[in-house]
PDB file of N, CA and C in Angstrom:
ATOM      1  N   MET A   1     -11.329 -18.776   2.001  1.00  0.00           N
ATOM      2  CA  MET A   1     -10.093 -18.019   2.562  1.00  0.00           C
ATOM      3  C   MET A   1     -10.617 -16.619   3.473  1.00  0.00           C
ATOM      4  N   GLN A   2     -10.425 -16.597   4.655  1.00  0.00           N
ATOM      5  CA  GLN A   2     -10.604 -15.185   5.473  1.00  0.00           C
ATOM      6  C   GLN A   2      -9.844 -14.159   5.272  1.00  0.00           C
ATOM      7  N   ASP A   3     -10.727 -13.067   4.735  1.00  0.00           N
ATOM      8  CA  ASP A   3      -9.849 -11.708   4.583  1.00  0.00           C
ATOM      9  C   ASP A   3      -9.386 -11.259   5.793  1.00  0.00           C
ATOM     10  N   ARG A   4      -8.327 -11.105   6.273  1.00  0.00           N
ATOM     11  CA  ARG A   4      -7.622 -10.379   7.478  1.00  0.00           C
ATOM     12  C   ARG A   4      -7.348  -9.221   7.608  1.00  0.00           C
ATOM     13  N   ARG A   5      -7.510  -8.329   6.375  1.00  0.00           N
ATOM     14  CA  ARG A   5      -7.386  -6.907   6.069  1.00  0.00           C
ATOM     15  C   ARG A   5      -8.331  -6.043   7.531  1.00  0.00           C
ATOM     16  N   LEU A   6      -7.416  -5.206   8.277  1.00  0.00           N
ATOM     17  CA  LEU A   6      -8.116  -4.110   8.903  1.00  0.00           C
ATOM     18  C   LEU A   6      -8.570  -3.258   8.462  1.00  0.00           C
ATOM     19  N   GLY A   7      -8.419  -2.625   7.192  1.00  0.00           N
ATOM     20  CA  GLY A   7      -9.086  -1.569   6.628  1.00  0.00           C
ATOM     21  C   GLY A   7      -9.471  -1.770   5.297  1.00  0.00           C
ATOM     22  N   TYR A   8     -10.651  -1.024   4.799  1.00  0.00           N
ATOM     23  CA  TYR A   8     -11.007  -1.149   3.426  1.00  0.00           C
ATOM     24  C   TYR A   8      -9.827  -0.414   2.521  1.00  0.00           C
ATOM     25  N   ARG A   9      -9.341  -1.253   1.361  1.00  0.00           N
ATOM     26  CA  ARG A   9      -8.383  -0.747   0.361  1.00  0.00           C
ATOM     27  C   ARG A   9      -9.009   0.029  -0.884  1.00  0.00           C
ATOM     28  N   VAL A  10      -8.327   1.056  -1.088  1.00  0.00           N
ATOM     29  CA  VAL A  10      -8.876   1.577  -2.497  1.00  0.00           C
ATOM     30  C   VAL A  10      -8.001   1.363  -3.504  1.00  0.00           C
ATOM     31  N   PRO A  11      -8.237   1.292  -4.651  1.00  0.00           N
ATOM     32  CA  PRO A  11      -7.144   1.166  -5.795  1.00  0.00           C
ATOM     33  C   PRO A  11      -6.266   2.404  -5.832  1.00  0.00           C
ATOM     34  N   PHE A  12      -5.044   2.185  -5.973  1.00  0.00           N
ATOM     35  CA  PHE A  12      -4.224   3.206  -6.035  1.00  0.00           C
ATOM     36  C   PHE A  12      -2.700   2.647  -6.580  1.00  0.00           C
ATOM     37  N   GLU A  13      -2.565   3.147  -7.647  1.00  0.00           N
ATOM     38  CA  GLU A  13      -1.396   2.469  -8.309  1.00  0.00           C
ATOM     39  C   GLU A  13      -0.201   3.750  -8.461  1.00  0.00           C
ATOM     40  N   THR A  14       0.747   3.430  -7.641  1.00  0.00           N
ATOM     41  CA  THR A  14       2.099   4.301  -7.678  1.00  0.00           C
ATOM     42  C   THR A  14       3.081   3.489  -7.494  1.00  0.00           C
ATOM     43  N   MET A  15       4.406   4.201  -7.698  1.00  0.00           N
ATOM     44  CA  MET A  15       5.759   3.369  -7.160  1.00  0.00           C
ATOM     45  C   MET A  15       5.876   3.837  -5.763  1.00  0.00           C
ATOM     46  N   VAL A  16       6.294   2.604  -5.092  1.00  0.00           N
ATOM     47  CA  VAL A  16       6.682   2.600  -3.727  1.00  0.00           C
ATOM     48  C   VAL A  16       8.202   2.041  -3.512  1.00  0.00           C
ATOM     49  N   THR A  17       8.865   2.576  -2.651  1.00  0.00           N
ATOM     50  CA  THR A  17      10.431   2.072  -2.347  1.00  0.00           C
ATOM     51  C   THR A  17      10.331   1.557  -1.029  1.00  0.00           C
ATOM     52  N   SER A  18      10.700   0.297  -1.143  1.00  0.00           N
ATOM     53  CA  SER A  18      10.892  -0.687   0.139  1.00  0.00           C
ATOM     54  C   SER A  18      12.222  -0.789   0.387  1.00  0.00           C
ATOM     55  N   TYR A  19      12.548  -0.897   1.662  1.00  0.00           N
ATOM     56  CA  TYR A  19      14.094  -0.788   2.365  1.00  0.00           C
ATOM     57  C   TYR A  19      14.065  -2.202   2.946  1.00  0.00           C
ATOM     58  N   VAL A  20      14.726  -3.145   2.160  1.00  0.00           N
ATOM     59  CA  VAL A  20      14.802  -4.646   2.746  1.00  0.00           C
ATOM     60  C   VAL A  20      16.365  -4.766   2.990  1.00  0.00           C
ATOM     61  N   ARG A  21      16.434  -4.733   4.405  1.00  0.00           N
ATOM     62  CA  ARG A  21      17.970  -4.983   4.977  1.00  0.00           C
ATOM     63  C   ARG A  21      18.683  -3.673   4.354  1.00  0.00           C
ATOM     64  N   ASP A  22      18.178  -2.492   4.269  1.00  0.00           N
ATOM     65  CA  ASP A  22      19.079  -1.568   3.975  1.00  0.00           C
ATOM     66  C   ASP A  22      19.012  -1.312   2.443  1.00  0.00           C
ATOM     67  N   ARG A  23      18.554  -2.340   1.629  1.00  0.00           N
ATOM     68  CA  ARG A  23      18.520  -2.016   0.257  1.00  0.00           C
ATOM     69  C   ARG A  23      17.296  -1.475  -0.403  1.00  0.00           C
ATOM     70  N   PRO A  24      17.490  -0.541  -1.114  1.00  0.00           N
ATOM     71  CA  PRO A  24      16.052  -0.126  -1.800  1.00  0.00           C
ATOM     72  C   PRO A  24      15.726  -0.985  -2.856  1.00  0.00           C
ATOM     73  N   ILE A  25      14.329  -1.222  -2.727  1.00  0.00           N
ATOM     74  CA  ILE A  25      13.773  -2.230  -3.858  1.00  0.00           C
ATOM     75  C   ILE A  25      12.637  -1.407  -4.531  1.00  0.00           C
ATOM     76  N   ARG A  26      12.284  -1.094  -5.658  1.00  0.00           N
ATOM     77  CA  ARG A  26      11.079  -0.580  -6.047  1.00  0.00           C
ATOM     78  C   ARG A  26       9.924  -1.619  -6.338  1.00  0.00           C
ATOM     79  N   ALA A  27       8.555  -0.914  -6.029  1.00  0.00           N
ATOM     80  CA  ALA A  27       7.486  -1.778  -6.248  1.00  0.00           C
ATOM     81  C   ALA A  27       6.531  -1.159  -6.724  1.00  0.00           C
ATOM     82  N   LEU A  28       5.480  -1.580  -7.128  1.00  0.00           N
ATOM     83  CA  LEU A  28       4.095  -1.016  -7.769  1.00  0.00           C
ATOM     84  C   LEU A  28       3.313  -1.334  -6.910  1.00  0.00           C
ATOM     85  N   THR A  29       2.440  -0.301  -6.384  1.00  0.00           N
ATOM     86  CA  THR A  29       1.108  -0.462  -5.560  1.00  0.00           C
ATOM     87  C   THR A  29       0.108  -0.851  -6.363  1.00  0.00           C
ATOM     88  N   ALA A  30      -0.927  -1.525  -5.797  1.00  0.00           N
ATOM     89  CA  ALA A  30      -2.205  -1.918  -6.461  1.00  0.00           C
ATOM     90  C   ALA A  30      -3.252  -1.307  -5.722  1.00  0.00           C
ATOM     91  N   ASN A  31      -3.083  -1.183  -4.499  1.00  0.00           N
ATOM     92  CA  ASN A  31      -4.176  -0.544  -3.447  1.00  0.00           C
ATOM     93  C   ASN A  31      -3.821  -0.286  -2.008  1.00  0.00           C
ATOM     94  N   LEU A  32      -4.261   0.617  -1.359  1.00  0.00           N
ATOM     95  CA  LEU A  32      -4.000   1.046  -0.134  1.00  0.00           C
ATOM     96  C   LEU A  32      -4.975   1.296   1.094  1.00  0.00           C
ATOM     97  N   SER A  33      -4.845   1.162   1.991  1.00  0.00           N
ATOM     98  CA  SER A  33      -5.643   1.631   3.239  1.00  0.00           C
ATOM     99  C   SER A  33      -4.752   2.029   4.222  1.00  0.00           C
ATOM    100  N   ASP A  34      -5.718   2.530   5.204  1.00  0.00           N
ATOM    101  CA  ASP A  34      -4.775   3.396   6.695  1.00  0.00           C
ATOM    102  C   ASP A  34      -4.363   2.105   7.215  1.00  0.00           C
ATOM    103  N   SER A  35      -4.161   0.835   7.134  1.00  0.00           N
ATOM    104  CA  SER A  35      -3.605  -0.239   7.673  1.00  0.00           C
ATOM    105  C   SER A  35      -2.489  -0.713   6.978  1.00  0.00           C
ATOM    106  N   GLY A  36      -2.638  -0.840   5.433  1.00  0.00           N
ATOM    107  CA  GLY A  36      -1.800  -1.688   4.784  1.00  0.00           C
ATOM    108  C   GLY A  36      -1.680  -1.300   3.200  1.00  0.00           C
ATOM    109  N   ILE A  37      -0.799  -1.747   2.636  1.00  0.00           N
ATOM    110  CA  ILE A  37      -0.748  -1.737   1.158  1.00  0.00           C
ATOM    111  C   ILE A  37      -0.331  -3.004   0.386  1.00  0.00           C
ATOM    112  N   ASN A  38      -1.052  -3.019  -0.809  1.00  0.00           N
ATOM    113  CA  ASN A  38      -0.625  -4.275  -1.533  1.00  0.00           C
ATOM    114  C   ASN A  38       0.314  -3.956  -2.949  1.00  0.00           C
ATOM    115  N   MET A  39       1.446  -4.580  -3.023  1.00  0.00           N
ATOM    116  CA  MET A  39       2.373  -4.198  -4.100  1.00  0.00           C
ATOM    117  C   MET A  39       3.035  -5.150  -4.718  1.00  0.00           C
ATOM    118  N   SER A  40       3.530  -5.070  -5.786  1.00  0.00           N
ATOM    119  CA  SER A  40       4.239  -5.804  -6.960  1.00  0.00           C
ATOM    120  C   SER A  40       5.792  -5.726  -6.919  1.00  0.00           C
ATOM    121  N   SER A  41       6.527  -6.637  -6.648  1.00  0.00           N
ATOM    122  CA  SER A  41       8.018  -6.638  -6.854  1.00  0.00           C
ATOM    123  C   SER A  41       8.661  -7.531  -7.556  1.00  0.00           C
ATOM    124  N   ILE A  42       9.818  -7.385  -8.199  1.00  0.00           N
ATOM    125  CA  ILE A  42      10.558  -8.421  -8.799  1.00  0.00           C
ATOM    126  C   ILE A  42      10.576  -9.677  -7.880  1.00  0.00           C
ATOM    127  N   SER A  43      10.396 -10.841  -8.227  1.00  0.00           N
ATOM    128  CA  SER A  43      10.369 -12.286  -7.219  1.00  0.00           C
ATOM    129  C   SER A  43      11.609 -12.310  -6.769  1.00  0.00           C
ATOM    130  N   MET A  44      12.688 -12.231  -7.367  1.00  0.00           N
ATOM    131  CA  MET A  44      14.175 -12.540  -6.771  1.00  0.00           C
ATOM    132  C   MET A  44      14.340 -11.596  -5.840  1.00  0.00           C
ATOM    133  N   LEU A  45      13.750 -10.331  -5.606  1.00  0.00           N
ATOM    134  CA  LEU A  45      14.258  -9.360  -4.687  1.00  0.00           C
ATOM    135  C   LEU A  45      13.015  -9.169  -3.607  1.00  0.00           C
ATOM    136  N   ALA A  46      11.735  -9.489  -3.736  1.00  0.00           N
ATOM    137  CA  ALA A  46      11.019  -9.562  -2.767  1.00  0.00           C
ATOM    138  C   ALA A  46      11.285 -10.251  -1.695  1.00  0.00           C
ATOM    139  N   PRO A  47      10.813  -9.486  -0.411  1.00  0.00           N
ATOM    140  CA  PRO A  47      11.018  -9.982   0.669  1.00  0.00           C
ATOM    141  C   PRO A  47      10.272 -10.970   1.465  1.00  0.00           C
ATOM    142  N   PRO A  48      10.702 -12.014   2.351  1.00  0.00           N
ATOM    143  CA  PRO A  48       9.896 -13.034   2.631  1.00  0.00           C
ATOM    144  C   PRO A  48       8.900 -12.755   3.680  1.00  0.00           C
ATOM    145  N   PRO A  49       7.702 -13.616   3.995  1.00  0.00           N
ATOM    146  CA  PRO A  49       6.612 -12.952   5.117  1.00  0.00           C
ATOM    147  C   PRO A  49       7.259 -13.077   6.283  1.00  0.00           C
ATOM    148  N   GLY A  50       6.846 -12.094   7.051  1.00  0.00           N
ATOM    149  CA  GLY A  50       7.133 -12.011   8.666  1.00  0.00           C
ATOM    150  C   GLY A  50       8.309 -10.928   8.799  1.00  0.00           C
ATOM    151  N   LEU A  51       9.017 -10.550   7.526  1.00  0.00           N
ATOM    152  CA  LEU A  51      10.170  -9.530   7.622  1.00  0.00           C
ATOM    153  C   LEU A  51       9.449  -8.029   7.641  1.00  0.00           C
ATOM    154  N   VAL A  52       9.940  -7.232   8.542  1.00  0.00           N
ATOM    155  CA  VAL A  52       9.594  -5.869   8.604  1.00  0.00           C
ATOM    156  C   VAL A  52      10.744  -5.067   7.812  1.00  0.00           C
ATOM    157  N   VAL A  53       9.980  -4.356   6.944  1.00  0.00           N
ATOM    158  CA  VAL A  53      10.456  -3.490   6.023  1.00  0.00           C
ATOM    159  C   VAL A  53      10.108  -1.922   5.925  1.00  0.00           C
ATOM    160  N   ALA A  54      11.308  -0.922   5.704  1.00  0.00           N
ATOM    161  CA  ALA A  54      10.712   0.632   5.649  1.00  0.00           C
ATOM    162  C   ALA A  54      10.330   0.825   4.320  1.00  0.00           C
ATOM    163  N   LEU A  55       9.221   1.646   4.448  1.00  0.00           N
ATOM    164  CA  LEU A  55       8.444   2.022   3.126  1.00  0.00           C
ATOM    165  C   LEU A  55       8.524   3.388   3.091  1.00  0.00           C
ATOM    166  N   GLU A  56       8.642   3.820   1.694  1.00  0.00           N
ATOM    167  CA  GLU A  56       8.900   5.152   1.186  1.00  0.00           C
ATOM    168  C   GLU A  56       7.814   5.419  -0.069  1.00  0.00           C
ATOM    169  N   LEU A  57       6.618   6.452   0.276  1.00  0.00           N
ATOM    170  CA  LEU A  57       5.324   6.305  -0.477  1.00  0.00           C
ATOM    171  C   LEU A  57       5.188   7.671  -0.696  1.00  0.00           C
ATOM    172  N   GLU A  58       4.893   8.316  -1.975  1.00  0.00           N
ATOM    173  CA  GLU A  58       4.529   9.469  -2.311  1.00  0.00           C
ATOM    174  C   GLU A  58       2.855   9.529  -2.453  1.00  0.00           C
ATOM    175  N   LEU A  59       1.908  10.348  -1.969  1.00  0.00           N
ATOM    176  CA  LEU A  59       0.767  10.678  -2.271  1.00  0.00           C
ATOM    177  C   LEU A  59       0.561  11.970  -3.103  1.00  0.00           C
ATOM    178  N   PRO A  60      -0.267  11.940  -4.229  1.00  0.00           N
ATOM    179  CA  PRO A  60      -0.474  12.992  -4.790  1.00  0.00           C
ATOM    180  C   PRO A  60      -0.856  14.058  -4.124  1.00  0.00           C
ATOM    181  N   GLY A  61      -0.112  15.316  -4.445  1.00  0.00           N
ATOM    182  CA  GLY A  61      -0.543  16.626  -3.459  1.00  0.00           C
ATOM    183  C   GLY A  61       0.169  16.797  -2.383  1.00  0.00           C
ATOM    184  N   GLU A  62       0.869  15.780  -1.995  1.00  0.00           N
ATOM    185  CA  GLU A  62       1.682  16.074  -0.597  1.00  0.00           C
ATOM    186  C   GLU A  62       3.234  16.425  -0.977  1.00  0.00           C
ATOM    187  N   ARG A  63       3.725  17.181  -0.484  1.00  0.00           N
ATOM    188  CA  ARG A  63       5.041  17.671  -0.792  1.00  0.00           C
ATOM    189  C   ARG A  63       5.973  16.631  -0.252  1.00  0.00           C
ATOM    190  N   ASP A  64       5.699  16.080   1.192  1.00  0.00           N
ATOM    191  CA  ASP A  64       6.771  15.266   1.655  1.00  0.00           C
ATOM    192  C   ASP A  64       6.273  13.670   1.333  1.00  0.00           C
ATOM    193  N   SER A  65       7.311  12.800   1.460  1.00  0.00           N
ATOM    194  CA  SER A  65       7.307  11.382   1.396  1.00  0.00           C
ATOM    195  C   SER A  65       6.356  10.938   2.487  1.00  0.00           C
ATOM    196  N   ILE A  66       5.789   9.645   2.352  1.00  0.00           N
ATOM    197  CA  ILE A  66       5.250   9.028   3.917  1.00  0.00           C
ATOM    198  C   ILE A  66       6.123   7.956   4.201  1.00  0.00           C
ATOM    199  N   TRP A  67       6.716   7.979   5.398  1.00  0.00           N
ATOM    200  CA  TRP A  67       7.591   6.816   5.632  1.00  0.00           C
ATOM    201  C   TRP A  67       6.934   5.851   6.606  1.00  0.00           C
ATOM    202  N   ALA A  68       7.003   4.820   6.610  1.00  0.00           N
ATOM    203  CA  ALA A  68       6.323   3.879   7.452  1.00  0.00           C
ATOM    204  C   ALA A  68       7.205   2.587   7.666  1.00  0.00           C
ATOM    205  N   SER A  69       6.978   1.740   8.442  1.00  0.00           N
ATOM    206  CA  SER A  69       7.468   0.407   8.626  1.00  0.00           C
ATOM    207  C   SER A  69       6.388  -0.522   8.616  1.00  0.00           C
ATOM    208  N   GLY A  70       6.504  -1.689   7.662  1.00  0.00           N
ATOM    209  CA  GLY A  70       5.129  -2.589   7.314  1.00  0.00           C
ATOM    210  C   GLY A  70       5.916  -3.979   7.489  1.00  0.00           C
ATOM    211  N   GLN A  71       5.125  -4.728   7.963  1.00  0.00           N
ATOM    212  CA  GLN A  71       5.554  -6.173   8.017  1.00  0.00           C
ATOM    213  C   GLN A  71       4.771  -7.323   6.809  1.00  0.00           C
ATOM    214  N   ILE A  72       5.683  -7.727   6.062  1.00  0.00           N
ATOM    215  CA  ILE A  72       5.118  -8.482   4.776  1.00  0.00           C
ATOM    216  C   ILE A  72       4.169  -9.851   5.581  1.00  0.00           C
ATOM    217  N   CYS A  73       2.759  -9.682   5.204  1.00  0.00           N
ATOM    218  CA  CYS A  73       1.639 -10.498   5.778  1.00  0.00           C
ATOM    219  C   CYS A  73       1.727 -11.858   4.738  1.00  0.00           C
ATOM    220  N   TYR A  74       1.929 -11.418   3.302  1.00  0.00           N
ATOM    221  CA  TYR A  74       1.902 -12.728   2.583  1.00  0.00           C
ATOM    222  C   TYR A  74       2.620 -12.215   1.434  1.00  0.00           C
ATOM    223  N   ARG A  75       3.127 -13.250   0.396  1.00  0.00           N
ATOM    224  CA  ARG A  75       3.646 -13.207  -0.851  1.00  0.00           C
ATOM    225  C   ARG A  75       3.509 -14.039  -1.726  1.00  0.00           C
ATOM    226  N   ASP A  76       2.804 -13.898  -2.849  1.00  0.00           N
ATOM    227  CA  ASP A  76       2.418 -14.672  -3.892  1.00  0.00           C
ATOM    228  C   ASP A  76       3.121 -14.496  -5.131  1.00  0.00           C
ATOM    229  N   ASP A  77       3.968 -15.618  -5.259  1.00  0.00           N
ATOM    230  CA  ASP A  77       4.973 -15.526  -6.556  1.00  0.00           C
ATOM    231  C   ASP A  77       4.234 -15.740  -7.803  1.00  0.00           C
ATOM    232  N   ASP A  78       4.480 -15.264  -8.758  1.00  0.00           N
ATOM    233  CA  ASP A  78       3.806 -15.698 -10.073  1.00  0.00           C
ATOM    234  C   ASP A  78       4.818 -14.873 -11.192  1.00  0.00           C
ATOM    235  N   GLY A  79       5.439 -16.097 -11.414  1.00  0.00           N
ATOM    236  CA  GLY A  79       6.757 -16.056 -12.511  1.00  0.00           C
ATOM    237  C   GLY A  79       7.851 -15.145 -12.085  1.00  0.00           C
ATOM    238  N   LEU A  80       7.855 -13.758 -12.871  1.00  0.00           N
ATOM    239  CA  LEU A  80       8.836 -12.975 -12.503  1.00  0.00           C
ATOM    240  C   LEU A  80       8.613 -11.848 -11.403  1.00  0.00           C
ATOM    241  N   ALA A  81       7.153 -11.987 -11.181  1.00  0.00           N
ATOM    242  CA  ALA A  81       6.721 -10.877  -9.913  1.00  0.00           C
ATOM    243  C   ALA A  81       6.041 -11.385  -8.761  1.00  0.00           C
ATOM    244  N   SER A  82       6.158 -10.769  -7.840  1.00  0.00           N
ATOM    245  CA  SER A  82       5.643 -11.344  -6.429  1.00  0.00           C
ATOM    246  C   SER A  82       4.580  -9.974  -5.846  1.00  0.00           C
ATOM    247  N   GLY A  83       3.601 -10.629  -5.519  1.00  0.00           N
ATOM    248  CA  GLY A  83       2.593  -9.835  -4.959  1.00  0.00           C
ATOM    249  C   GLY A  83       2.721  -9.912  -3.432  1.00  0.00           C
ATOM    250  N   LEU A  84       2.718  -8.611  -2.835  1.00  0.00           N
ATOM    251  CA  LEU A  84       3.073  -8.457  -1.404  1.00  0.00           C
ATOM    252  C   LEU A  84       2.002  -7.754  -0.772  1.00  0.00           C
ATOM    253  N   GLY A  85       1.304  -8.461   0.262  1.00  0.00           N
ATOM    254  CA  GLY A  85       0.312  -7.651   1.248  1.00  0.00           C
ATOM    255  C   GLY A  85       1.544  -7.443   2.239  1.00  0.00           C
ATOM    256  N   VAL A  86       1.258  -5.839   2.627  1.00  0.00           N
ATOM    257  CA  VAL A  86       1.845  -5.432   3.705  1.00  0.00           C
ATOM    258  C   VAL A  86       1.018  -4.833   4.640  1.00  0.00           C
ATOM    259  N   ARG A  87       1.323  -4.955   6.164  1.00  0.00           N
ATOM    260  CA  ARG A  87       0.527  -4.438   7.051  1.00  0.00           C
ATOM    261  C   ARG A  87       1.460  -3.285   7.853  1.00  0.00           C
ATOM    262  N   PHE A  88       0.709  -2.155   7.817  1.00  0.00           N
ATOM    263  CA  PHE A  88       1.512  -0.889   8.450  1.00  0.00           C
ATOM    264  C   PHE A  88       1.906  -1.369  10.112  1.00  0.00           C
ATOM    265  N   VAL A  89       3.129  -1.316  10.501  1.00  0.00           N
ATOM    266  CA  VAL A  89       3.371  -1.463  12.115  1.00  0.00           C
ATOM    267  C   VAL A  89       3.772  -0.373  12.422  1.00  0.00           C
ATOM    268  N   ALA A  90       4.340   0.959  11.953  1.00  0.00           N
ATOM    269  CA  ALA A  90       4.793   2.094  12.556  1.00  0.00           C
ATOM    270  C   ALA A  90       4.755   2.870  11.584  1.00  0.00           C
ATOM    271  N   MET A  91       4.305   4.304  12.025  1.00  0.00           N
ATOM    272  CA  MET A  91       4.135   5.432  10.817  1.00  0.00           C
ATOM    273  C   MET A  91       3.794   6.739  11.924  1.00  0.00           C
ATOM    274  N   ALA A  92       4.369   7.852  11.737  1.00  0.00           N
ATOM    275  CA  ALA A  92       4.131   8.989  12.268  1.00  0.00           C
ATOM    276  C   ALA A  92       2.543   9.356  12.255  1.00  0.00           C
ATOM    277  N   ARG A  93       2.158   9.738  13.616  1.00  0.00           N
ATOM    278  CA  ARG A  93       0.831  10.081  13.509  1.00  0.00           C
ATOM    279  C   ARG A  93       0.394  11.066  12.460  1.00  0.00           C
ATOM    280  N   VAL A  94       1.131  12.083  12.025  1.00  0.00           N
ATOM    281  CA  VAL A  94       0.537  12.942  11.090  1.00  0.00           C
ATOM    282  C   VAL A  94       0.690  12.352   9.902  1.00  0.00           C
ATOM    283  N   GLN A  95       1.526  11.303   9.574  1.00  0.00           N
ATOM    284  CA  GLN A  95       1.667  10.883   8.132  1.00  0.00           C
ATOM    285  C   GLN A  95       0.519   9.519   8.221  1.00  0.00           C
ATOM    286  N   ALA A  96       0.272   9.059   9.223  1.00  0.00           N
ATOM    287  CA  ALA A  96      -0.813   8.216   9.523  1.00  0.00           C
ATOM    288  C   ALA A  96      -2.283   9.024   9.076  1.00  0.00           C
ATOM    289  N   ARG A  97      -2.385  10.079   9.497  1.00  0.00           N
ATOM    290  CA  ARG A  97      -3.610  10.920   9.467  1.00  0.00           C
ATOM    291  C   ARG A  97      -3.580  11.191   7.771  1.00  0.00           C
ATOM    292  N   LEU A  98      -2.611  11.539   7.286  1.00  0.00           N
ATOM    293  CA  LEU A  98      -2.687  11.878   5.945  1.00  0.00           C
ATOM    294  C   LEU A  98      -2.924  10.561   4.915  1.00  0.00           C
ATOM    295  N   VAL A  99      -2.449   9.568   5.268  1.00  0.00           N
ATOM    296  CA  VAL A  99      -2.768   8.234   4.643  1.00  0.00           C
ATOM    297  C   VAL A  99      -4.323   8.005   4.690  1.00  0.00           C
ATOM    298  N   ARG A 100      -4.804   8.114   5.748  1.00  0.00           N
ATOM    299  CA  ARG A 100      -6.302   7.742   6.328  1.00  0.00           C
ATOM    300  C   ARG A 100      -7.131   8.933   5.414  1.00  0.00           C
ATOM    301  N   ASP A 101      -6.953  10.130   5.496  1.00  0.00           N
ATOM    302  CA  ASP A 101      -7.585  11.195   4.773  1.00  0.00           C
ATOM    303  C   ASP A 101      -7.497  11.097   3.405  1.00  0.00           C
ATOM    304  N   PHE A 102      -6.573  10.429   2.726  1.00  0.00           N
ATOM    305  CA  PHE A 102      -6.455  10.454   1.330  1.00  0.00           C
ATOM    306  C   PHE A 102      -7.274   9.006   0.984  1.00  0.00           C
ATOM    307  N   CYS A 103      -7.134   8.081   1.853  1.00  0.00           N
ATOM    308  CA  CYS A 103      -8.212   6.783   1.633  1.00  0.00           C
ATOM    309  C   CYS A 103      -9.517   7.218   1.644  1.00  0.00           C
ATOM    310  N   ILE A 104     -10.022   8.166   2.589  1.00  0.00           N
ATOM    311  CA  ILE A 104     -11.077   8.318   2.812  1.00  0.00           C
ATOM    312  C   ILE A 104     -11.603   9.297   1.470  1.00  0.00           C
ATOM    313  N   GLU A 105     -10.700  10.150   1.061  1.00  0.00           N
ATOM    314  CA  GLU A 105     -11.239  11.177  -0.135  1.00  0.00           C
ATOM    315  C   GLU A 105     -11.236  10.328  -1.588  1.00  0.00           C
ATOM    316  N   LEU A 106     -10.289   9.084  -1.611  1.00  0.00           N
ATOM    317  CA  LEU A 106     -10.510   8.571  -2.853  1.00  0.00           C
ATOM    318  C   LEU A 106     -11.438   7.585  -2.621  1.00  0.00           C
ATOM    319  N   ARG A 107     -11.917   7.006  -1.761  1.00  0.00           N
ATOM    320  CA  ARG A 107     -13.147   6.084  -1.530  1.00  0.00           C
ATOM    321  C   ARG A 107     -14.535   7.185  -1.758  1.00  0.00           C
ATOM    322  N   ARG A 108     -14.617   8.210  -1.360  1.00  0.00           N
ATOM    323  CA  ARG A 108     -15.554   9.123  -1.685  1.00  0.00           C
ATOM    324  C   ARG A 108     -15.871   9.602  -3.250  1.00  0.00           C
ATOM    325  N   GLN A 109     -14.682   9.851  -3.797  1.00  0.00           N
ATOM    326  CA  GLN A 109     -14.735   9.974  -5.268  1.00  0.00           C
ATOM    327  C   GLN A 109     -15.050   8.889  -5.758  1.00  0.00           C
ATOM    328  N   THR A 110     -14.428   7.545  -5.496  1.00  0.00           N
ATOM    329  CA  THR A 110     -15.262   6.267  -6.466  1.00  0.00           C
ATOM    330  C   THR A 110     -16.354   6.228  -6.017  1.00  0.00           C
ATOM    331  N   LEU A 111     -16.932   6.506  -4.855  1.00  0.00           N
ATOM    332  CA  LEU A 111     -18.529   5.888  -4.622  1.00  0.00           C
ATOM    333  C   LEU A 111     -19.460   7.078  -5.256  1.00  0.00           C
ATOM    334  N   THR A 112     -18.906   8.363  -5.511  1.00  0.00           N
ATOM    335  CA  THR A 112     -19.616   9.332  -6.206  1.00  0.00           C
ATOM    336  C   THR A 112     -19.684   8.858  -7.498  1.00  0.00           C
ATOM    337  N   SER A 113     -18.580   8.621  -7.874  1.00  0.00           N
ATOM    338  CA  SER A 113     -18.478   8.111  -9.508  1.00  0.00           C
ATOM    339  C   SER A 113     -19.446   7.024  -9.998  1.00  0.00           C
ATOM    340  N   LEU A 114     -19.410   6.199  -9.027  1.00  0.00           N
ATOM    341  CA  LEU A 114     -20.410   4.936  -9.247  1.00  0.00           C
ATOM    342  C   LEU A 114     -21.736   5.054  -9.154  1.00  0.00           C
ATOM    343  N   LEU A 115     -22.255   6.127  -8.070  1.00  0.00           N
ATOM    344  CA  LEU A 115     -23.745   6.403  -8.007  1.00  0.00           C
ATOM    345  C   LEU A 115     -23.900   7.595  -9.235  1.00  0.00           C
ATOM    346  N   ALA A 116     -23.128   8.324  -9.640  1.00  0.00           N
ATOM    347  CA  ALA A 116     -23.394   8.983 -11.034  1.00  0.00           C
ATOM    348  C   ALA A 116     -23.757   8.206 -12.266  1.00  0.00           C
ATOM    349  N   ARG A 117     -22.969   7.166 -12.411  1.00  0.00           N
ATOM    350  CA  ARG A 117     -22.993   6.187 -13.334  1.00  0.00           C
ATOM    351  C   ARG A 117     -24.357   5.332 -13.434  1.00  0.00           C
ATOM    352  N   ILE A 118     -24.687   4.973 -12.118  1.00  0.00           N
ATOM    353  CA  ILE A 118     -25.985   4.288 -11.773  1.00  0.00           C
ATOM    354  C   ILE A 118     -27.264   5.218 -12.218  1.00  0.00           C
ATOM    355  N   ARG A 119     -27.265   6.459 -11.630  1.00  0.00           N
ATOM    356  CA  ARG A 119     -28.390   7.194 -11.774  1.00  0.00           C
ATOM    357  C   ARG A 119     -28.380   7.494 -13.285  1.00  0.00           C
ATOM    358  N   ASN A 120     -27.391   7.632 -14.155  1.00  0.00           N
ATOM    359  CA  ASN A 120     -27.510   7.809 -15.536  1.00  0.00           C
ATOM    360  C   ASN A 120     -27.973   6.652 -16.329  1.00  0.00           C
TER     361      ASN A 120
END
């Protein structure tokens, strides 16, 4: 299977609120990039592929929430939970820069930690 992701995703677990047809649905993120997010939601509430949803995400150290529109690219149902791949389609430029900088810093921290373990 070909990986169609546009950005390198970093592990990031937090709660996110998606608004599906104006109805708030909580989900748990697994990873994040400047181009999208992977999250898990309750199967019966998860939106179908192709649907565009509003997303509200909080980043550590940021006072304001990140707001974006995202298109559901895939949905993987596994019992009670559904894994969702979401590609960001619209976001304020300032907030997009915050997400990008957060991902770069988290990637840098992860690589620094891995190198430290290898050297020891």
